[in-house]
Amino acid sequence: MQRYETLFARLRENNEGAFVPFVMLGDPNLAECEAIIEALISGGADALELGIPFSDPTADGPVIQEAANRALAAGVTPAACLALVARLRAKYPALPMGLLVYANLVVNTSVEDFYRAAVEAGVDSVLVADVPGVEAGPFVDAASRAGIAPILIAPPNADPACIARIAAMSRGYTYVLGRAGVTGTETALNRPDAGLMDALRAAAAPPALIGFGISSPEHVRMALEAGAQGAIAGSAVVRIVAAGLGEPEAMRTRLAAYVAQMKAATRLA
């Protein structure tokens, strides 16, 4: 959790927001995925959001679903994903890295065992995408005992009870949905609600990062103008991966350039 606090403090001092790319661990295979993540970091990613492939990713649109399918077809397992995270942690000791997972992966052995393995790999945060806040208590408790930041989602229509729950339970950052629905760039980002950002700050919730529908520098600027501390892009990143599978070196060059462009948009005047 300290890595997020350090990151946001540094960004505030530099008058910047955060840009956080998402990648599916093991897509298209473990070795190539590690090289892809290296490209994202070289492009200037402030932190990473990392998916563990799952057969029924209900919060994800077709682009990220296909990424999960490619990883599963390559035989990628949760244990292999955590081993990859551990290798990255050894190389990048200060970089915040969070997991986006589904509840079945967490409870498959036991909730305690999952968080224990995650913290041993060097994971900073876990967002369990299909567990609503009103049912998140056991996951939050296990994460907190392990020293991992539990991430909660703030929907566009978050009411005062939801905001209070996020402030009480979430650590690291708050994942604010840029729009309703599933991940993807097919549906445009709605202009973020500055009132929601104000309410989260007033409740002392963790810093807000906006995701879902983020694909362009303009979207990053919109997120920051609304009062968010940064933006997360998933489908736009994974689409570059999918389009470049036959030319991996060129694909990694495009990824680094894309991240650099998105990061540049976080630098405030």
C-alpha atoms as a PDB file:
ATOM      1  CA  MET A   1       0.000   0.000   0.000  1.00  0.00           C
ATOM      2  CA  GLN A   2       2.903   2.346   0.729  1.00  0.00           C
ATOM      3  CA  ARG A   3       3.881   2.302  -2.942  1.00  0.00           C
ATOM      4  CA  TYR A   4       0.561   3.951  -3.902  1.00  0.00           C
ATOM      5  CA  GLU A   5       0.944   6.609  -1.215  1.00  0.00           C
ATOM      6  CA  THR A   6       4.473   7.349  -2.395  1.00  0.00           C
ATOM      7  CA  LEU A   7       3.347   7.499  -6.029  1.00  0.00           C
ATOM      8  CA  PHE A   8       0.460   9.900  -5.436  1.00  0.00           C
ATOM      9  CA  ALA A   9       2.609  12.142  -3.247  1.00  0.00           C
ATOM     10  CA  ARG A  10       5.262  12.357  -5.959  1.00  0.00           C
ATOM     11  CA  LEU A  11       2.689  13.076  -8.650  1.00  0.00           C
ATOM     12  CA  ARG A  12       1.087  15.836  -6.590  1.00  0.00           C
ATOM     13  CA  GLU A  13       4.490  17.406  -6.061  1.00  0.00           C
ATOM     14  CA  ASN A  14       5.147  17.290  -9.814  1.00  0.00           C
ATOM     15  CA  ASN A  15       1.624  18.519 -10.714  1.00  0.00           C
ATOM     16  CA  GLU A  16       0.878  15.310 -12.613  1.00  0.00           C
ATOM     17  CA  GLY A  17      -1.805  12.693 -12.713  1.00  0.00           C
ATOM     18  CA  ALA A  18      -1.266   8.962 -12.920  1.00  0.00           C
ATOM     19  CA  PHE A  19      -1.523   6.849 -16.033  1.00  0.00           C
ATOM     20  CA  VAL A  20      -2.052   3.162 -15.364  1.00  0.00           C
ATOM     21  CA  PRO A  21      -2.195   0.631 -18.219  1.00  0.00           C
ATOM     22  CA  PHE A  22      -3.895  -2.744 -17.845  1.00  0.00           C
ATOM     23  CA  VAL A  23      -2.541  -5.948 -19.324  1.00  0.00           C
ATOM     24  CA  MET A  24      -3.759  -9.536 -19.098  1.00  0.00           C
ATOM     25  CA  LEU A  25      -1.044 -11.649 -17.498  1.00  0.00           C
ATOM     26  CA  GLY A  26       0.034 -14.444 -19.819  1.00  0.00           C
ATOM     27  CA  ASP A  27      -1.314 -12.861 -23.000  1.00  0.00           C
ATOM     28  CA  PRO A  28      -0.326 -14.207 -25.486  1.00  0.00           C
ATOM     29  CA  ASN A  29       2.068 -16.309 -23.375  1.00  0.00           C
ATOM     30  CA  LEU A  30       4.148 -15.706 -20.275  1.00  0.00           C
ATOM     31  CA  ALA A  31       7.430 -14.801 -21.970  1.00  0.00           C
ATOM     32  CA  GLU A  32       5.889 -12.373 -24.447  1.00  0.00           C
ATOM     33  CA  CYS A  33       3.679 -10.883 -21.740  1.00  0.00           C
ATOM     34  CA  GLU A  34       6.723 -10.084 -19.632  1.00  0.00           C
ATOM     35  CA  ALA A  35       8.263  -8.256 -22.592  1.00  0.00           C
ATOM     36  CA  ILE A  36       4.977  -6.397 -23.144  1.00  0.00           C
ATOM     37  CA  ILE A  37       4.940  -5.234 -19.528  1.00  0.00           C
ATOM     38  CA  GLU A  38       8.541  -4.080 -19.862  1.00  0.00           C
ATOM     39  CA  ALA A  39       7.434  -1.957 -22.837  1.00  0.00           C
ATOM     40  CA  LEU A  40       4.611  -0.401 -20.813  1.00  0.00           C
ATOM     41  CA  ILE A  41       7.030   0.482 -18.043  1.00  0.00           C
ATOM     42  CA  SER A  42       9.569   1.911 -20.466  1.00  0.00           C
ATOM     43  CA  GLY A  43       6.820   4.104 -21.924  1.00  0.00           C
ATOM     44  CA  GLY A  44       6.283   5.731 -18.531  1.00  0.00           C
ATOM     45  CA  ALA A  45       3.506   3.798 -16.774  1.00  0.00           C
ATOM     46  CA  ASP A  46       3.064   5.095 -13.225  1.00  0.00           C
ATOM     47  CA  ALA A  47       1.604   1.801 -12.011  1.00  0.00           C
ATOM     48  CA  LEU A  48       0.239  -1.427 -13.484  1.00  0.00           C
ATOM     49  CA  GLU A  49      -3.152  -3.094 -13.343  1.00  0.00           C
ATOM     50  CA  LEU A  50      -2.748  -6.793 -14.109  1.00  0.00           C
ATOM     51  CA  GLY A  51      -5.491  -9.269 -14.933  1.00  0.00           C
ATOM     52  CA  ILE A  52      -5.373 -12.961 -14.120  1.00  0.00           C
ATOM     53  CA  PRO A  53      -7.049 -14.874 -16.979  1.00  0.00           C
ATOM     54  CA  PHE A  54     -10.459 -16.306 -16.134  1.00  0.00           C
ATOM     55  CA  SER A  55     -12.982 -18.157 -18.261  1.00  0.00           C
ATOM     56  CA  ASP A  56     -15.994 -15.977 -17.417  1.00  0.00           C
ATOM     57  CA  PRO A  57     -14.830 -12.355 -17.043  1.00  0.00           C
ATOM     58  CA  THR A  58     -18.253 -10.764 -16.603  1.00  0.00           C
ATOM     59  CA  ALA A  59     -16.989  -7.174 -16.230  1.00  0.00           C
ATOM     60  CA  ASP A  60     -14.961  -7.289 -19.432  1.00  0.00           C
ATOM     61  CA  GLY A  61     -15.840  -6.611 -23.019  1.00  0.00           C
ATOM     62  CA  PRO A  62     -14.727  -8.691 -26.015  1.00  0.00           C
ATOM     63  CA  VAL A  63     -11.183  -7.303 -26.305  1.00  0.00           C
ATOM     64  CA  ILE A  64     -10.155  -8.294 -22.787  1.00  0.00           C
ATOM     65  CA  GLN A  65     -12.188 -11.518 -22.956  1.00  0.00           C
ATOM     66  CA  GLU A  66     -10.124 -12.537 -25.978  1.00  0.00           C
ATOM     67  CA  ALA A  67      -6.921 -11.690 -24.126  1.00  0.00           C
ATOM     68  CA  ALA A  68      -7.975 -13.985 -21.298  1.00  0.00           C
ATOM     69  CA  ASN A  69      -8.782 -16.726 -23.803  1.00  0.00           C
ATOM     70  CA  ARG A  70      -5.348 -16.416 -25.418  1.00  0.00           C
ATOM     71  CA  ALA A  71      -3.649 -16.731 -22.039  1.00  0.00           C
ATOM     72  CA  LEU A  72      -5.780 -19.698 -21.015  1.00  0.00           C
ATOM     73  CA  ALA A  73      -5.071 -21.400 -24.350  1.00  0.00           C
ATOM     74  CA  ALA A  74      -1.351 -20.959 -23.607  1.00  0.00           C
ATOM     75  CA  GLY A  75      -1.846 -22.871 -20.351  1.00  0.00           C
ATOM     76  CA  VAL A  76      -1.368 -19.867 -18.063  1.00  0.00           C
ATOM     77  CA  THR A  77      -2.373 -20.467 -14.428  1.00  0.00           C
ATOM     78  CA  PRO A  78      -2.846 -18.093 -11.475  1.00  0.00           C
ATOM     79  CA  ALA A  79       0.352 -19.466  -9.919  1.00  0.00           C
ATOM     80  CA  ALA A  80       2.286 -18.704 -13.103  1.00  0.00           C
ATOM     81  CA  CYS A  81       0.828 -15.186 -13.111  1.00  0.00           C
ATOM     82  CA  LEU A  82       2.028 -14.558  -9.576  1.00  0.00           C
ATOM     83  CA  ALA A  83       5.456 -15.901 -10.469  1.00  0.00           C
ATOM     84  CA  LEU A  84       5.596 -13.338 -13.288  1.00  0.00           C
ATOM     85  CA  VAL A  85       4.582 -10.580 -10.851  1.00  0.00           C
ATOM     86  CA  ALA A  86       7.368 -11.703  -8.512  1.00  0.00           C
ATOM     87  CA  ARG A  87       9.919 -11.385 -11.332  1.00  0.00           C
ATOM     88  CA  LEU A  88       8.663  -7.892 -12.115  1.00  0.00           C
ATOM     89  CA  ARG A  89       8.744  -6.906  -8.453  1.00  0.00           C
ATOM     90  CA  ALA A  90      12.394  -7.935  -8.214  1.00  0.00           C
ATOM     91  CA  LYS A  91      13.201  -5.622 -11.142  1.00  0.00           C
ATOM     92  CA  TYR A  92      10.891  -2.746 -10.185  1.00  0.00           C
ATOM     93  CA  PRO A  93      10.784  -2.524  -6.394  1.00  0.00           C
ATOM     94  CA  ALA A  94       8.993   0.857  -6.270  1.00  0.00           C
ATOM     95  CA  LEU A  95       6.348   0.355  -8.989  1.00  0.00           C
ATOM     96  CA  PRO A  96       2.771  -0.116  -7.700  1.00  0.00           C
ATOM     97  CA  MET A  97       1.222  -3.272  -9.151  1.00  0.00           C
ATOM     98  CA  GLY A  98      -2.378  -4.312  -8.639  1.00  0.00           C
ATOM     99  CA  LEU A  99      -4.416  -7.331  -9.656  1.00  0.00           C
ATOM    100  CA  LEU A 100      -7.870  -7.288 -11.199  1.00  0.00           C
ATOM    101  CA  VAL A 101      -9.434 -10.689 -10.593  1.00  0.00           C
ATOM    102  CA  TYR A 102     -12.735 -12.508 -10.280  1.00  0.00           C
ATOM    103  CA  ALA A 103     -14.039 -14.030  -7.078  1.00  0.00           C
ATOM    104  CA  ASN A 104     -13.746 -17.656  -8.223  1.00  0.00           C
ATOM    105  CA  LEU A 105      -9.978 -17.233  -8.507  1.00  0.00           C
ATOM    106  CA  VAL A 106      -9.784 -15.852  -4.973  1.00  0.00           C
ATOM    107  CA  VAL A 107     -11.902 -18.524  -3.286  1.00  0.00           C
ATOM    108  CA  ASN A 108     -10.599 -21.458  -5.348  1.00  0.00           C
ATOM    109  CA  THR A 109      -8.249 -22.496  -2.551  1.00  0.00           C
ATOM    110  CA  SER A 110      -9.108 -20.038   0.198  1.00  0.00           C
ATOM    111  CA  VAL A 111      -9.367 -16.293   0.428  1.00  0.00           C
ATOM    112  CA  GLU A 112      -6.538 -16.200   2.961  1.00  0.00           C
ATOM    113  CA  ASP A 113      -4.262 -18.332   0.790  1.00  0.00           C
ATOM    114  CA  PHE A 114      -4.896 -16.161  -2.268  1.00  0.00           C
ATOM    115  CA  TYR A 115      -3.941 -12.932  -0.520  1.00  0.00           C
ATOM    116  CA  ARG A 116      -0.978 -14.562   1.170  1.00  0.00           C
ATOM    117  CA  ALA A 117       0.370 -15.734  -2.202  1.00  0.00           C
ATOM    118  CA  ALA A 118      -0.321 -12.324  -3.742  1.00  0.00           C
ATOM    119  CA  VAL A 119       1.610 -10.407  -1.106  1.00  0.00           C
ATOM    120  CA  GLU A 120       4.506 -12.855  -1.326  1.00  0.00           C
ATOM    121  CA  ALA A 121       4.665 -12.118  -5.071  1.00  0.00           C
ATOM    122  CA  GLY A 122       4.839  -8.384  -4.409  1.00  0.00           C
ATOM    123  CA  VAL A 123       1.259  -7.404  -5.270  1.00  0.00           C
ATOM    124  CA  ASP A 124       0.127  -4.057  -3.838  1.00  0.00           C
ATOM    125  CA  SER A 125      -3.627  -4.182  -4.412  1.00  0.00           C
ATOM    126  CA  VAL A 126      -6.444  -6.483  -5.472  1.00  0.00           C
ATOM    127  CA  LEU A 127      -9.733  -5.507  -7.103  1.00  0.00           C
ATOM    128  CA  VAL A 128     -12.271  -8.357  -7.163  1.00  0.00           C
ATOM    129  CA  ALA A 129     -14.353  -7.205 -10.093  1.00  0.00           C
ATOM    130  CA  ASP A 130     -17.513  -9.239  -9.555  1.00  0.00           C
ATOM    131  CA  VAL A 131     -17.935  -8.685  -5.808  1.00  0.00           C
ATOM    132  CA  PRO A 132     -20.153  -5.688  -5.005  1.00  0.00           C
ATOM    133  CA  GLY A 133     -19.164  -3.434  -2.175  1.00  0.00           C
ATOM    134  CA  VAL A 134     -21.970  -4.657   0.088  1.00  0.00           C
ATOM    135  CA  GLU A 135     -20.476  -8.179  -0.091  1.00  0.00           C
ATOM    136  CA  ALA A 136     -16.807  -7.220  -0.071  1.00  0.00           C
ATOM    137  CA  GLY A 137     -16.233  -7.496   3.681  1.00  0.00           C
ATOM    138  CA  PRO A 138     -14.509 -10.924   3.783  1.00  0.00           C
ATOM    139  CA  PHE A 139     -12.243  -9.995   0.858  1.00  0.00           C
ATOM    140  CA  VAL A 140     -11.378  -6.621   2.369  1.00  0.00           C
ATOM    141  CA  ASP A 141     -10.616  -8.190   5.736  1.00  0.00           C
ATOM    142  CA  ALA A 142      -8.344 -10.850   4.220  1.00  0.00           C
ATOM    143  CA  ALA A 143      -6.567  -8.270   2.068  1.00  0.00           C
ATOM    144  CA  SER A 144      -5.994  -6.001   5.034  1.00  0.00           C
ATOM    145  CA  ARG A 145      -4.617  -8.836   7.152  1.00  0.00           C
ATOM    146  CA  ALA A 146      -2.176  -9.665   4.352  1.00  0.00           C
ATOM    147  CA  GLY A 147      -1.076  -6.058   3.902  1.00  0.00           C
ATOM    148  CA  ILE A 148      -2.675  -5.675   0.470  1.00  0.00           C
ATOM    149  CA  ALA A 149      -4.827  -2.688  -0.520  1.00  0.00           C
ATOM    150  CA  PRO A 150      -8.426  -3.731  -1.237  1.00  0.00           C
ATOM    151  CA  ILE A 151      -9.736  -1.721  -4.204  1.00  0.00           C
ATOM    152  CA  LEU A 152     -13.434  -0.895  -4.417  1.00  0.00           C
ATOM    153  CA  ILE A 153     -15.360   0.357  -7.443  1.00  0.00           C
ATOM    154  CA  ALA A 154     -17.281   3.631  -7.455  1.00  0.00           C
ATOM    155  CA  PRO A 155     -20.006   3.508 -10.134  1.00  0.00           C
ATOM    156  CA  PRO A 156     -21.156   6.696 -11.874  1.00  0.00           C
ATOM    157  CA  ASN A 157     -24.348   6.683  -9.764  1.00  0.00           C
ATOM    158  CA  ALA A 158     -22.646   6.027  -6.413  1.00  0.00           C
ATOM    159  CA  ASP A 159     -24.927   7.139  -3.590  1.00  0.00           C
ATOM    160  CA  PRO A 160     -23.795   8.433  -0.173  1.00  0.00           C
ATOM    161  CA  ALA A 161     -23.877   4.931   1.347  1.00  0.00           C
ATOM    162  CA  CYS A 162     -21.645   3.581  -1.433  1.00  0.00           C
ATOM    163  CA  ILE A 163     -19.211   6.473  -1.042  1.00  0.00           C
ATOM    164  CA  ALA A 164     -19.052   5.986   2.712  1.00  0.00           C
ATOM    165  CA  ARG A 165     -18.386   2.261   2.224  1.00  0.00           C
ATOM    166  CA  ILE A 166     -15.535   2.985  -0.204  1.00  0.00           C
ATOM    167  CA  ALA A 167     -13.993   5.466   2.218  1.00  0.00           C
ATOM    168  CA  ALA A 168     -14.216   2.983   5.088  1.00  0.00           C
ATOM    169  CA  MET A 169     -13.045  -0.148   3.271  1.00  0.00           C
ATOM    170  CA  SER A 170     -10.874   0.768   0.293  1.00  0.00           C
ATOM    171  CA  ARG A 171      -7.164   1.523   0.306  1.00  0.00           C
ATOM    172  CA  GLY A 172      -4.599   2.430  -2.356  1.00  0.00           C
ATOM    173  CA  TYR A 173      -6.937   4.029  -4.865  1.00  0.00           C
ATOM    174  CA  THR A 174     -10.614   4.119  -5.813  1.00  0.00           C
ATOM    175  CA  TYR A 175     -11.575   2.638  -9.183  1.00  0.00           C
ATOM    176  CA  VAL A 176     -14.143   5.074 -10.600  1.00  0.00           C
ATOM    177  CA  LEU A 177     -16.127   3.795 -13.568  1.00  0.00           C
ATOM    178  CA  GLY A 178     -16.070   6.248 -16.442  1.00  0.00           C
ATOM    179  CA  ARG A 179     -19.383   4.816 -17.614  1.00  0.00           C
ATOM    180  CA  ALA A 180     -21.733   1.938 -16.961  1.00  0.00           C
ATOM    181  CA  GLY A 181     -21.312  -1.411 -18.737  1.00  0.00           C
ATOM    182  CA  VAL A 182     -18.280  -3.565 -19.427  1.00  0.00           C
ATOM    183  CA  THR A 183     -14.710  -2.700 -20.385  1.00  0.00           C
ATOM    184  CA  GLY A 184     -14.058  -1.543 -23.917  1.00  0.00           C
ATOM    185  CA  THR A 185     -13.486   1.450 -26.143  1.00  0.00           C
ATOM    186  CA  GLU A 186     -16.539   0.801 -28.317  1.00  0.00           C
ATOM    187  CA  THR A 187     -18.676   2.946 -26.001  1.00  0.00           C
ATOM    188  CA  ALA A 188     -17.399   6.464 -25.469  1.00  0.00           C
ATOM    189  CA  LEU A 189     -16.311   7.661 -22.070  1.00  0.00           C
ATOM    190  CA  ASN A 190     -18.909   9.839 -20.402  1.00  0.00           C
ATOM    191  CA  ARG A 191     -17.628  13.154 -19.084  1.00  0.00           C
ATOM    192  CA  PRO A 192     -16.699  12.248 -15.516  1.00  0.00           C
ATOM    193  CA  ASP A 193     -18.885  13.658 -12.758  1.00  0.00           C
ATOM    194  CA  ALA A 194     -16.874  16.217 -10.788  1.00  0.00           C
ATOM    195  CA  GLY A 195     -19.497  15.976  -8.054  1.00  0.00           C
ATOM    196  CA  LEU A 196     -18.645  12.318  -7.521  1.00  0.00           C
ATOM    197  CA  MET A 197     -14.946  13.173  -7.214  1.00  0.00           C
ATOM    198  CA  ASP A 198     -15.782  15.902  -4.699  1.00  0.00           C
ATOM    199  CA  ALA A 199     -17.912  13.489  -2.675  1.00  0.00           C
ATOM    200  CA  LEU A 200     -15.158  10.863  -2.623  1.00  0.00           C
ATOM    201  CA  ARG A 201     -12.614  13.440  -1.455  1.00  0.00           C
ATOM    202  CA  ALA A 202     -14.972  14.763   1.206  1.00  0.00           C
ATOM    203  CA  ALA A 203     -15.400  11.227   2.538  1.00  0.00           C
ATOM    204  CA  ALA A 204     -11.586  10.757   2.578  1.00  0.00           C
ATOM    205  CA  ALA A 205     -11.740   7.916   0.044  1.00  0.00           C
ATOM    206  CA  PRO A 206      -8.459   6.891  -1.610  1.00  0.00           C
ATOM    207  CA  PRO A 207      -7.397   8.811  -4.748  1.00  0.00           C
ATOM    208  CA  ALA A 208      -9.717   8.307  -7.716  1.00  0.00           C
ATOM    209  CA  LEU A 209      -8.519   6.663 -10.920  1.00  0.00           C
ATOM    210  CA  ILE A 210     -11.053   6.568 -13.753  1.00  0.00           C
ATOM    211  CA  GLY A 211     -11.334   3.467 -15.908  1.00  0.00           C
ATOM    212  CA  PHE A 212     -13.738   1.992 -18.521  1.00  0.00           C
ATOM    213  CA  GLY A 213     -13.723   3.800 -21.857  1.00  0.00           C
ATOM    214  CA  ILE A 214     -10.324   5.479 -21.450  1.00  0.00           C
ATOM    215  CA  SER A 215      -8.447   5.314 -24.750  1.00  0.00           C
ATOM    216  CA  SER A 216      -7.058   8.735 -25.704  1.00  0.00           C
ATOM    217  CA  PRO A 217      -5.065  11.597 -24.217  1.00  0.00           C
ATOM    218  CA  GLU A 218      -8.255  13.668 -24.296  1.00  0.00           C
ATOM    219  CA  HIS A 219      -9.916  11.106 -22.027  1.00  0.00           C
ATOM    220  CA  VAL A 220      -7.008  11.399 -19.603  1.00  0.00           C
ATOM    221  CA  ARG A 221      -7.363  15.182 -19.560  1.00  0.00           C
ATOM    222  CA  MET A 222     -11.121  14.869 -19.007  1.00  0.00           C
ATOM    223  CA  ALA A 223     -10.515  12.605 -16.026  1.00  0.00           C
ATOM    224  CA  LEU A 224      -8.056  15.017 -14.439  1.00  0.00           C
ATOM    225  CA  GLU A 225     -10.249  18.054 -15.128  1.00  0.00           C
ATOM    226  CA  ALA A 226     -13.085  16.301 -13.292  1.00  0.00           C
ATOM    227  CA  GLY A 227     -10.873  15.938 -10.226  1.00  0.00           C
ATOM    228  CA  ALA A 228      -9.571  12.390 -10.604  1.00  0.00           C
ATOM    229  CA  GLN A 229      -5.954  11.675  -9.770  1.00  0.00           C
ATOM    230  CA  GLY A 230      -5.425   9.650 -12.917  1.00  0.00           C
ATOM    231  CA  ALA A 231      -6.768   7.215 -15.482  1.00  0.00           C
ATOM    232  CA  ILE A 232      -6.604   3.504 -16.280  1.00  0.00           C
ATOM    233  CA  ALA A 233      -6.654   2.205 -19.860  1.00  0.00           C
ATOM    234  CA  GLY A 234      -7.282  -1.468 -20.503  1.00  0.00           C
ATOM    235  CA  SER A 235      -8.983  -2.347 -23.755  1.00  0.00           C
ATOM    236  CA  ALA A 236      -7.003   0.262 -25.715  1.00  0.00           C
ATOM    237  CA  VAL A 237      -3.750  -1.331 -24.531  1.00  0.00           C
ATOM    238  CA  VAL A 238      -4.914  -4.897 -25.098  1.00  0.00           C
ATOM    239  CA  ARG A 239      -6.134  -3.966 -28.590  1.00  0.00           C
ATOM    240  CA  ILE A 240      -2.576  -2.933 -29.517  1.00  0.00           C
ATOM    241  CA  VAL A 241      -1.338  -6.275 -28.205  1.00  0.00           C
ATOM    242  CA  ALA A 242      -3.929  -8.210 -30.224  1.00  0.00           C
ATOM    243  CA  ALA A 243      -3.204  -6.276 -33.410  1.00  0.00           C
ATOM    244  CA  GLY A 244       0.540  -6.872 -33.151  1.00  0.00           C
ATOM    245  CA  LEU A 245       0.782 -10.547 -32.257  1.00  0.00           C
ATOM    246  CA  GLY A 246       2.499 -11.323 -35.552  1.00  0.00           C
ATOM    247  CA  GLU A 247       5.046  -8.506 -35.118  1.00  0.00           C
ATOM    248  CA  PRO A 248       5.978  -8.545 -31.435  1.00  0.00           C
ATOM    249  CA  GLU A 249       8.855  -6.086 -31.600  1.00  0.00           C
ATOM    250  CA  ALA A 250       6.818  -3.513 -33.531  1.00  0.00           C
ATOM    251  CA  MET A 251       3.907  -4.098 -31.174  1.00  0.00           C
ATOM    252  CA  ARG A 252       6.044  -3.370 -28.125  1.00  0.00           C
ATOM    253  CA  THR A 253       7.310  -0.179 -29.771  1.00  0.00           C
ATOM    254  CA  ARG A 254       3.705   0.918 -30.365  1.00  0.00           C
ATOM    255  CA  LEU A 255       2.789   0.099 -26.762  1.00  0.00           C
ATOM    256  CA  ALA A 256       5.638   2.180 -25.355  1.00  0.00           C
ATOM    257  CA  ALA A 257       4.706   5.089 -27.632  1.00  0.00           C
ATOM    258  CA  TYR A 258       1.039   4.839 -26.643  1.00  0.00           C
ATOM    259  CA  VAL A 259       1.860   4.882 -22.937  1.00  0.00           C
ATOM    260  CA  ALA A 260       4.205   7.846 -23.418  1.00  0.00           C
ATOM    261  CA  GLN A 261       1.429   9.753 -25.211  1.00  0.00           C
ATOM    262  CA  MET A 262      -1.108   8.982 -22.470  1.00  0.00           C
ATOM    263  CA  LYS A 263       1.362   9.835 -19.728  1.00  0.00           C
ATOM    264  CA  ALA A 264       2.136  13.171 -21.375  1.00  0.00           C
ATOM    265  CA  ALA A 265      -1.542  14.070 -21.024  1.00  0.00           C
ATOM    266  CA  THR A 266      -1.292  13.736 -17.242  1.00  0.00           C
ATOM    267  CA  ARG A 267       1.179  16.607 -16.954  1.00  0.00           C
ATOM    268  CA  LEU A 268      -0.869  19.561 -15.851  1.00  0.00           C
ATOM    269  CA  ALA A 269      -0.111  23.142 -16.848  1.00  0.00           C
END
